[in-house]
């Protein structure tokens, strides 16, 4: 059974902004959150998650810490915004929670 995959960027950012703890609410712009999401999807691509040669039933596995390190390294390299590793982890967890709420990854 094939599921439609519709990712709404604006909805995801709003979800993540609401997911963040109170002390971080409003600290990051929507553009900052989108930047982290873009890096997450670069990570997925590097792991072959979107590879058309992969079988739809094939599971692509990775550790959350591995993604956090990938994103953090790229944030430091790009020098676009100031994020701590803990803040990146919270944004990543918020995005993963958004995907879970939409049943994107079974």
C-alpha atoms as a PDB file:
ATOM      1  CA  UNK A   1       0.000   0.000   0.000  1.00  0.00           C
ATOM      2  CA  UNK A   2       1.566   3.254  -1.114  1.00  0.00           C
ATOM      3  CA  UNK A   3       1.116   6.330   1.035  1.00  0.00           C
ATOM      4  CA  UNK A   4       1.135   9.846  -0.342  1.00  0.00           C
ATOM      5  CA  UNK A   5       4.049  11.839   1.012  1.00  0.00           C
ATOM      6  CA  UNK A   6       3.116  15.490   1.307  1.00  0.00           C
ATOM      7  CA  UNK A   7       5.473  17.517   3.442  1.00  0.00           C
ATOM      8  CA  UNK A   8       4.141  20.969   4.300  1.00  0.00           C
ATOM      9  CA  UNK A   9       7.154  23.141   5.176  1.00  0.00           C
ATOM     10  CA  UNK A  10       5.087  25.826   6.893  1.00  0.00           C
ATOM     11  CA  UNK A  11       3.162  23.291   8.942  1.00  0.00           C
ATOM     12  CA  UNK A  12       6.404  21.537   9.917  1.00  0.00           C
ATOM     13  CA  UNK A  13       8.025  24.785  11.070  1.00  0.00           C
ATOM     14  CA  UNK A  14       4.939  25.734  13.084  1.00  0.00           C
ATOM     15  CA  UNK A  15       4.909  22.261  14.663  1.00  0.00           C
ATOM     16  CA  UNK A  16       8.610  22.535  15.569  1.00  0.00           C
ATOM     17  CA  UNK A  17       8.222  26.068  16.971  1.00  0.00           C
ATOM     18  CA  UNK A  18       5.450  24.713  19.236  1.00  0.00           C
ATOM     19  CA  UNK A  19       7.525  21.630  20.112  1.00  0.00           C
ATOM     20  CA  UNK A  20      10.440  23.674  21.449  1.00  0.00           C
ATOM     21  CA  UNK A  21      10.613  24.235  25.214  1.00  0.00           C
ATOM     22  CA  UNK A  22       9.275  27.540  26.493  1.00  0.00           C
ATOM     23  CA  UNK A  23      12.740  29.057  26.977  1.00  0.00           C
ATOM     24  CA  UNK A  24      13.508  28.565  23.259  1.00  0.00           C
ATOM     25  CA  UNK A  25      10.179  29.712  21.847  1.00  0.00           C
ATOM     26  CA  UNK A  26      10.812  32.654  19.558  1.00  0.00           C
ATOM     27  CA  UNK A  27      14.598  32.275  19.665  1.00  0.00           C
ATOM     28  CA  UNK A  28      14.811  30.887  16.130  1.00  0.00           C
ATOM     29  CA  UNK A  29      13.208  32.344  13.044  1.00  0.00           C
ATOM     30  CA  UNK A  30      11.222  30.193  10.655  1.00  0.00           C
ATOM     31  CA  UNK A  31      14.175  30.523   8.255  1.00  0.00           C
ATOM     32  CA  UNK A  32      16.508  29.145  10.955  1.00  0.00           C
ATOM     33  CA  UNK A  33      14.217  26.136  11.433  1.00  0.00           C
ATOM     34  CA  UNK A  34      13.943  25.596   7.657  1.00  0.00           C
ATOM     35  CA  UNK A  35      17.737  25.692   7.432  1.00  0.00           C
ATOM     36  CA  UNK A  36      18.023  22.859   9.979  1.00  0.00           C
ATOM     37  CA  UNK A  37      15.310  20.881   8.161  1.00  0.00           C
ATOM     38  CA  UNK A  38      17.211  21.310   4.883  1.00  0.00           C
ATOM     39  CA  UNK A  39      20.343  19.921   6.537  1.00  0.00           C
ATOM     40  CA  UNK A  40      18.345  16.984   7.882  1.00  0.00           C
ATOM     41  CA  UNK A  41      17.197  16.135   4.380  1.00  0.00           C
ATOM     42  CA  UNK A  42      20.778  16.422   3.116  1.00  0.00           C
ATOM     43  CA  UNK A  43      21.614  13.833   5.768  1.00  0.00           C
ATOM     44  CA  UNK A  44      18.759  11.587   4.601  1.00  0.00           C
ATOM     45  CA  UNK A  45      20.034  11.858   1.027  1.00  0.00           C
ATOM     46  CA  UNK A  46      23.587  11.006   2.118  1.00  0.00           C
ATOM     47  CA  UNK A  47      22.193   7.823   3.703  1.00  0.00           C
ATOM     48  CA  UNK A  48      20.355   6.858   0.519  1.00  0.00           C
ATOM     49  CA  UNK A  49      16.927   7.444   1.989  1.00  0.00           C
ATOM     50  CA  UNK A  50      15.614   9.052  -1.199  1.00  0.00           C
ATOM     51  CA  UNK A  51      17.581   6.824  -3.560  1.00  0.00           C
ATOM     52  CA  UNK A  52      15.220   5.674  -6.300  1.00  0.00           C
ATOM     53  CA  UNK A  53      17.150   2.390  -6.527  1.00  0.00           C
ATOM     54  CA  UNK A  54      16.170   1.466  -2.963  1.00  0.00           C
ATOM     55  CA  UNK A  55      13.308  -0.952  -2.536  1.00  0.00           C
ATOM     56  CA  UNK A  56      10.290   0.805  -0.987  1.00  0.00           C
ATOM     57  CA  UNK A  57      10.276  -1.834   1.748  1.00  0.00           C
ATOM     58  CA  UNK A  58      13.990  -1.406   2.479  1.00  0.00           C
ATOM     59  CA  UNK A  59      14.662   0.204   5.836  1.00  0.00           C
ATOM     60  CA  UNK A  60      17.316   2.904   5.928  1.00  0.00           C
ATOM     61  CA  UNK A  61      18.627   3.066   9.464  1.00  0.00           C
ATOM     62  CA  UNK A  62      20.641   5.732  11.217  1.00  0.00           C
ATOM     63  CA  UNK A  63      21.285   6.927  14.728  1.00  0.00           C
ATOM     64  CA  UNK A  64      19.752  10.208  15.833  1.00  0.00           C
ATOM     65  CA  UNK A  65      23.128  11.230  17.272  1.00  0.00           C
ATOM     66  CA  UNK A  66      24.684  10.690  13.851  1.00  0.00           C
ATOM     67  CA  UNK A  67      22.174  13.113  12.309  1.00  0.00           C
ATOM     68  CA  UNK A  68      22.730  15.661  15.087  1.00  0.00           C
ATOM     69  CA  UNK A  69      26.492  15.549  14.498  1.00  0.00           C
ATOM     70  CA  UNK A  70      26.027  15.901  10.729  1.00  0.00           C
ATOM     71  CA  UNK A  71      23.743  18.922  11.127  1.00  0.00           C
ATOM     72  CA  UNK A  72      25.925  20.535  13.805  1.00  0.00           C
ATOM     73  CA  UNK A  73      29.062  20.123  11.673  1.00  0.00           C
ATOM     74  CA  UNK A  74      27.321  21.751   8.697  1.00  0.00           C
ATOM     75  CA  UNK A  75      25.907  24.597  10.802  1.00  0.00           C
ATOM     76  CA  UNK A  76      29.414  25.371  12.041  1.00  0.00           C
ATOM     77  CA  UNK A  77      30.819  25.120   8.514  1.00  0.00           C
ATOM     78  CA  UNK A  78      28.145  27.389   7.000  1.00  0.00           C
ATOM     79  CA  UNK A  79      28.320  29.867   9.902  1.00  0.00           C
ATOM     80  CA  UNK A  80      24.745  30.930   9.124  1.00  0.00           C
ATOM     81  CA  UNK A  81      23.220  30.906  12.590  1.00  0.00           C
ATOM     82  CA  UNK A  82      24.323  30.254  16.144  1.00  0.00           C
ATOM     83  CA  UNK A  83      22.940  26.966  17.407  1.00  0.00           C
ATOM     84  CA  UNK A  84      24.165  24.788  20.216  1.00  0.00           C
ATOM     85  CA  UNK A  85      24.237  21.050  19.712  1.00  0.00           C
ATOM     86  CA  UNK A  86      21.388  20.738  22.230  1.00  0.00           C
ATOM     87  CA  UNK A  87      19.246  23.247  20.316  1.00  0.00           C
ATOM     88  CA  UNK A  88      19.864  21.366  17.072  1.00  0.00           C
ATOM     89  CA  UNK A  89      18.878  18.130  18.798  1.00  0.00           C
ATOM     90  CA  UNK A  90      15.590  19.686  19.951  1.00  0.00           C
ATOM     91  CA  UNK A  91      14.785  20.986  16.465  1.00  0.00           C
ATOM     92  CA  UNK A  92      15.601  17.583  14.954  1.00  0.00           C
ATOM     93  CA  UNK A  93      13.414  15.824  17.504  1.00  0.00           C
ATOM     94  CA  UNK A  94      10.637  18.302  16.724  1.00  0.00           C
ATOM     95  CA  UNK A  95      10.905  17.554  13.014  1.00  0.00           C
ATOM     96  CA  UNK A  96      10.929  13.812  13.658  1.00  0.00           C
ATOM     97  CA  UNK A  97       7.852  14.234  15.872  1.00  0.00           C
ATOM     98  CA  UNK A  98       6.156  16.147  13.043  1.00  0.00           C
ATOM     99  CA  UNK A  99       6.938  13.298  10.622  1.00  0.00           C
ATOM    100  CA  UNK A 100       5.619  10.779  13.166  1.00  0.00           C
ATOM    101  CA  UNK A 101       2.405  12.769  13.528  1.00  0.00           C
ATOM    102  CA  UNK A 102       1.933  12.462   9.746  1.00  0.00           C
ATOM    103  CA  UNK A 103       2.982   8.788   9.590  1.00  0.00           C
ATOM    104  CA  UNK A 104       5.677   9.600   7.017  1.00  0.00           C
ATOM    105  CA  UNK A 105       8.079   6.996   8.339  1.00  0.00           C
ATOM    106  CA  UNK A 106       6.548   3.703   9.276  1.00  0.00           C
END
